[in-house]
Amino acid sequence: MSTLRVNTIQDETGTTAMTIDTSGRILTPARPCAHVSLTTDTVGSSTSGYPAIVFNVANLNIGGHYNTSNGKFTCPIAGIYQVTGYAMDKDSSAAGGFYLRVLLDGSNYGADAGSYDAGGSHAGAHISALIQCTAGQEITLGYYSTSGAMSGYTGATFMLVG
């Protein structure tokens, strides 16, 4: 049996794809990943179409695959992606619900998540999904809330996990 002893694996142009440290930990610095958030509240949406939340700030956007103009994360390669989202409605005085939905190429993927409040507090939601995608597919988070989503309490992550 042969042993390969290297610290770094690069592509033909010299871009580092993988580094292995002395403890055997593997760093993959080019793994597609985004963490996004809102700086302005969204408007209410009582339609059954679950419009995409357009997160206007990319706190982390490795590879540039999240678009802050349209709210879409475009999968650069085929694989399994994890998406998580959290949100809170912006009106605590009125009764209502807040629901999140993961959308793959604009269609519902899995079950919705959400809560309802009778007034005096905020409704909120958290959702997580693993999705097997092909290159070029788009992942968004859709929402339903008559009062909209509150900035500062709404965000998401998208990442290739395998």
Protein backbone atom coordinates (compact mmCIF):
# COMPACT_ATOMS: atom_id res chain seq x y z
CA MET A 1 0.00 0.00 0.00
CA SER A 2 1.26 3.49 -0.87
CA THR A 3 1.02 6.63 1.25
CA LEU A 4 0.50 10.09 -0.19
CA ARG A 5 2.12 12.78 1.97
CA VAL A 6 0.95 16.29 1.07
CA ASN A 7 -0.24 19.33 2.98
CA THR A 8 -2.12 21.05 0.15
CA ILE A 9 -4.09 19.95 -2.90
CA GLN A 10 -4.50 22.52 -5.68
CA ASP A 11 -6.12 22.65 -9.08
CA GLU A 12 -4.10 23.21 -12.28
CA THR A 13 -4.18 27.02 -11.84
CA GLY A 14 -2.81 26.88 -8.28
CA THR A 15 -6.08 27.49 -6.41
CA THR A 16 -6.01 25.64 -3.09
CA ALA A 17 -8.84 23.15 -2.91
CA MET A 18 -7.85 21.37 0.30
CA THR A 19 -5.35 21.73 3.12
CA ILE A 20 -4.56 19.03 5.68
CA ASP A 21 -2.99 20.17 8.96
CA THR A 22 -0.64 18.17 11.18
CA SER A 23 -3.58 16.79 13.20
CA GLY A 24 -5.27 15.42 10.07
CA ARG A 25 -8.02 18.08 9.94
CA ILE A 26 -9.15 18.97 6.42
CA LEU A 27 -9.84 22.58 5.44
CA THR A 28 -11.82 23.18 2.24
CA PRO A 29 -11.68 26.99 1.78
CA ALA A 30 -13.62 27.05 -1.50
CA ARG A 31 -16.71 25.16 -0.24
CA PRO A 32 -19.81 27.11 -1.41
CA CYS A 33 -21.46 28.77 1.57
CA ALA A 34 -23.49 31.90 2.39
CA HIS A 35 -24.85 33.48 5.57
CA VAL A 36 -27.33 36.26 4.80
CA SER A 37 -29.50 38.73 6.71
CA LEU A 38 -31.88 41.68 6.35
CA THR A 39 -31.29 45.34 7.18
CA THR A 40 -34.84 46.42 6.28
CA ASP A 41 -38.19 44.86 7.12
CA THR A 42 -40.07 42.99 4.39
CA VAL A 43 -43.66 43.77 3.50
CA GLY A 44 -46.52 41.45 4.39
CA SER A 45 -47.36 38.54 2.14
CA SER A 46 -50.69 36.82 2.47
CA THR A 47 -50.44 35.04 -0.86
CA SER A 48 -50.15 31.29 -1.11
CA GLY A 49 -47.18 31.76 -3.47
CA TYR A 50 -44.68 32.30 -0.65
CA PRO A 51 -42.52 35.01 -2.24
CA ALA A 52 -38.78 34.76 -1.67
CA ILE A 53 -37.20 36.68 1.16
CA VAL A 54 -34.51 38.77 -0.49
CA PHE A 55 -31.77 38.97 2.11
CA ASN A 56 -29.94 42.17 1.22
CA VAL A 57 -26.74 41.53 3.17
CA ALA A 58 -24.33 38.66 2.54
CA ASN A 59 -22.31 38.42 5.75
CA LEU A 60 -20.45 35.47 4.22
CA ASN A 61 -20.66 34.47 0.55
CA ILE A 62 -17.90 32.02 -0.37
CA GLY A 63 -17.94 31.69 -4.14
CA GLY A 64 -20.51 34.48 -4.61
CA HIS A 65 -23.41 32.05 -5.14
CA TYR A 66 -26.00 34.05 -3.14
CA ASN A 67 -27.58 36.97 -5.01
CA THR A 68 -28.65 39.85 -2.71
CA SER A 69 -30.80 41.31 -5.53
CA ASN A 70 -33.16 38.36 -5.99
CA GLY A 71 -32.70 36.15 -2.88
CA LYS A 72 -31.45 33.12 -4.81
CA PHE A 73 -28.60 30.79 -3.89
CA THR A 74 -27.44 29.10 -7.12
CA CYS A 75 -25.83 25.69 -6.58
CA PRO A 76 -22.50 25.73 -8.42
CA ILE A 77 -22.02 21.95 -8.40
CA ALA A 78 -24.15 18.88 -7.86
CA GLY A 79 -24.29 17.76 -4.23
CA ILE A 80 -26.18 17.87 -0.97
CA TYR A 81 -26.89 21.36 0.36
CA GLN A 82 -28.13 22.40 3.77
CA VAL A 83 -30.35 25.45 4.09
CA THR A 84 -31.51 26.95 7.37
CA GLY A 85 -33.66 29.99 7.91
CA TYR A 86 -35.09 31.93 10.81
CA ALA A 87 -37.53 34.82 10.86
CA MET A 88 -39.89 36.83 13.00
CA ASP A 89 -42.96 38.85 12.02
CA LYS A 90 -42.66 42.60 12.45
CA ASP A 91 -45.99 43.35 14.15
CA SER A 92 -46.41 42.11 17.72
CA SER A 93 -49.76 43.84 18.30
CA ALA A 94 -51.90 41.95 15.81
CA ALA A 95 -52.79 38.29 15.78
CA GLY A 96 -51.17 36.38 12.97
CA GLY A 97 -48.73 33.74 11.87
CA PHE A 98 -45.32 33.57 10.31
CA TYR A 99 -44.35 30.65 8.08
CA LEU A 100 -41.21 29.74 6.14
CA ARG A 101 -40.88 27.44 3.16
CA VAL A 102 -37.78 26.18 1.35
CA LEU A 103 -38.16 26.57 -2.40
CA LEU A 104 -36.09 24.67 -4.96
CA ASP A 105 -36.34 26.25 -8.41
CA GLY A 106 -39.47 28.05 -7.19
CA SER A 107 -41.30 24.92 -5.98
CA ASN A 108 -41.98 23.87 -2.40
CA TYR A 109 -39.39 21.49 -0.98
CA GLY A 110 -40.55 19.63 2.13
CA ALA A 111 -42.78 20.89 4.91
CA ASP A 112 -43.42 24.47 6.02
CA ALA A 113 -42.41 25.70 9.46
CA GLY A 114 -44.00 28.46 11.49
CA SER A 115 -46.04 29.66 14.41
CA TYR A 116 -49.14 31.67 15.24
CA ASP A 117 -49.57 34.37 17.87
CA ALA A 118 -52.89 35.74 19.14
CA GLY A 119 -51.40 39.24 19.60
CA GLY A 120 -49.05 40.83 22.10
CA SER A 121 -46.00 38.91 20.93
CA HIS A 122 -44.20 38.01 17.72
CA ALA A 123 -44.78 34.90 15.65
CA GLY A 124 -41.57 33.32 14.35
CA ALA A 125 -40.23 30.40 12.39
CA HIS A 126 -37.12 28.30 11.95
CA ILE A 127 -36.61 25.85 9.11
CA SER A 128 -33.83 23.50 8.04
CA ALA A 129 -33.53 21.13 5.09
CA LEU A 130 -31.03 18.93 3.30
CA ILE A 131 -31.51 19.06 -0.45
CA GLN A 132 -29.85 17.02 -3.19
CA CYS A 133 -29.28 19.49 -6.03
CA THR A 134 -27.80 19.53 -9.48
CA ALA A 135 -25.55 22.33 -10.70
CA GLY A 136 -27.54 25.44 -11.53
CA GLN A 137 -30.56 24.77 -9.32
CA GLU A 138 -31.71 27.70 -7.18
CA ILE A 139 -32.66 27.63 -3.50
CA THR A 140 -34.71 30.40 -1.88
CA LEU A 141 -36.67 30.88 1.33
CA GLY A 142 -40.29 31.84 0.88
CA TYR A 143 -42.50 33.36 3.57
CA TYR A 144 -46.10 33.99 4.54
CA SER A 145 -46.93 36.73 7.04
CA THR A 146 -49.50 39.48 6.84
CA SER A 147 -47.16 41.88 8.70
CA GLY A 148 -43.86 40.95 6.99
CA ALA A 149 -40.49 39.91 8.39
CA MET A 150 -38.50 41.95 10.88
CA SER A 151 -34.94 42.90 10.03
CA GLY A 152 -32.39 41.93 12.65
CA TYR A 153 -34.38 38.78 13.44
CA THR A 154 -34.39 37.22 9.98
CA GLY A 155 -31.54 35.38 8.26
CA ALA A 156 -30.44 32.21 6.51
CA THR A 157 -27.51 29.99 5.66
CA PHE A 158 -26.90 27.98 2.49
CA MET A 159 -24.01 25.54 2.20
CA LEU A 160 -22.67 22.55 0.37
CA VAL A 161 -22.27 19.70 2.85
CA GLY A 162 -21.35 16.84 0.55
